[in-house]
C-alpha cells in the first residue's frame, strides 16, 4: 500500500500497526516505504511502539506476538 499524499505521524503509525495486526510481518525497509520515512525513522518508530504493544523484531521482521 503506497499513498501519494503526505501523511501526518499519527497516520503513518496507524498504517503500520494496521498492517501488522492483519497478519502481515514487515521488515524495517518495508515499514519505511509504507510510512514514507527513512529506515532509521522506521526503526525508531517500531522501537517505541514495541515498548507498549506486543510487537517484536524476530529474524529481521517485525510482527505481532502470537496470541496477542
Protein backbone atom coordinates (compact mmCIF):
# COMPACT_ATOMS: atom_id res chain seq x y z
CA UNK A 1 0.00 0.00 0.00
CA UNK A 2 1.57 3.24 -1.14
CA UNK A 3 -0.02 6.63 -0.66
CA UNK A 4 0.65 9.72 -2.74
CA UNK A 5 -0.47 12.21 -0.10
CA UNK A 6 1.77 13.43 2.70
CA UNK A 7 0.95 11.58 5.92
CA UNK A 8 0.95 13.02 9.40
CA UNK A 9 2.78 10.98 12.06
CA UNK A 10 -0.42 9.51 13.53
CA UNK A 11 -1.46 8.23 10.08
CA UNK A 12 1.97 6.69 9.50
CA UNK A 13 1.81 4.81 12.78
CA UNK A 14 -1.78 3.74 12.16
CA UNK A 15 -0.99 2.27 8.74
CA UNK A 16 1.92 0.24 10.08
CA UNK A 17 0.04 -1.08 13.11
CA UNK A 18 -2.98 -1.97 10.96
CA UNK A 19 -0.78 -3.94 8.57
CA UNK A 20 0.95 -5.78 11.40
CA UNK A 21 -2.30 -6.69 13.16
CA UNK A 22 -3.77 -8.07 9.96
CA UNK A 23 -1.29 -10.93 9.82
CA UNK A 24 1.43 -9.16 7.92
CA UNK A 25 5.04 -9.24 9.04
CA UNK A 26 7.15 -6.33 7.80
CA UNK A 27 10.84 -5.57 7.54
CA UNK A 28 12.12 -2.18 8.65
CA UNK A 29 12.64 -1.26 4.99
CA UNK A 30 9.02 -2.17 4.15
CA UNK A 31 7.81 -0.10 7.10
CA UNK A 32 9.91 2.85 5.93
CA UNK A 33 8.41 2.63 2.43
CA UNK A 34 4.86 2.22 3.76
CA UNK A 35 5.14 5.14 6.17
CA UNK A 36 7.21 7.41 3.94
CA UNK A 37 10.10 7.70 6.39
CA UNK A 38 13.76 6.76 6.41
CA UNK A 39 14.93 3.32 7.53
CA UNK A 40 16.27 4.89 10.73
CA UNK A 41 12.94 6.65 11.28
CA UNK A 42 11.04 3.40 10.77
CA UNK A 43 13.29 1.56 13.22
CA UNK A 44 12.87 4.31 15.83
CA UNK A 45 9.08 4.24 15.40
CA UNK A 46 8.95 0.46 15.79
CA UNK A 47 11.29 0.54 18.77
CA UNK A 48 8.92 2.93 20.53
CA UNK A 49 5.78 1.01 19.54
CA UNK A 50 7.24 -2.28 20.73
CA UNK A 51 7.69 -0.87 24.24
CA UNK A 52 3.90 -0.74 24.76
CA UNK A 53 2.43 -3.06 22.11
CA UNK A 54 3.07 -6.80 21.63
CA UNK A 55 5.24 -6.17 18.57
CA UNK A 56 8.60 -7.91 18.27
CA UNK A 57 11.53 -7.96 15.86
CA UNK A 58 12.41 -11.57 15.05
CA UNK A 59 14.85 -12.62 12.33
CA UNK A 60 14.79 -9.13 10.84
CA UNK A 61 10.99 -8.96 10.61
CA UNK A 62 8.57 -7.02 12.80
CA UNK A 63 5.45 -8.94 13.80
CA UNK A 64 2.72 -9.13 16.41
CA UNK A 65 3.49 -11.69 19.12
CA UNK A 66 1.41 -14.86 18.83
CA UNK A 67 -1.71 -14.94 20.96
CA UNK A 68 -1.94 -11.15 21.29
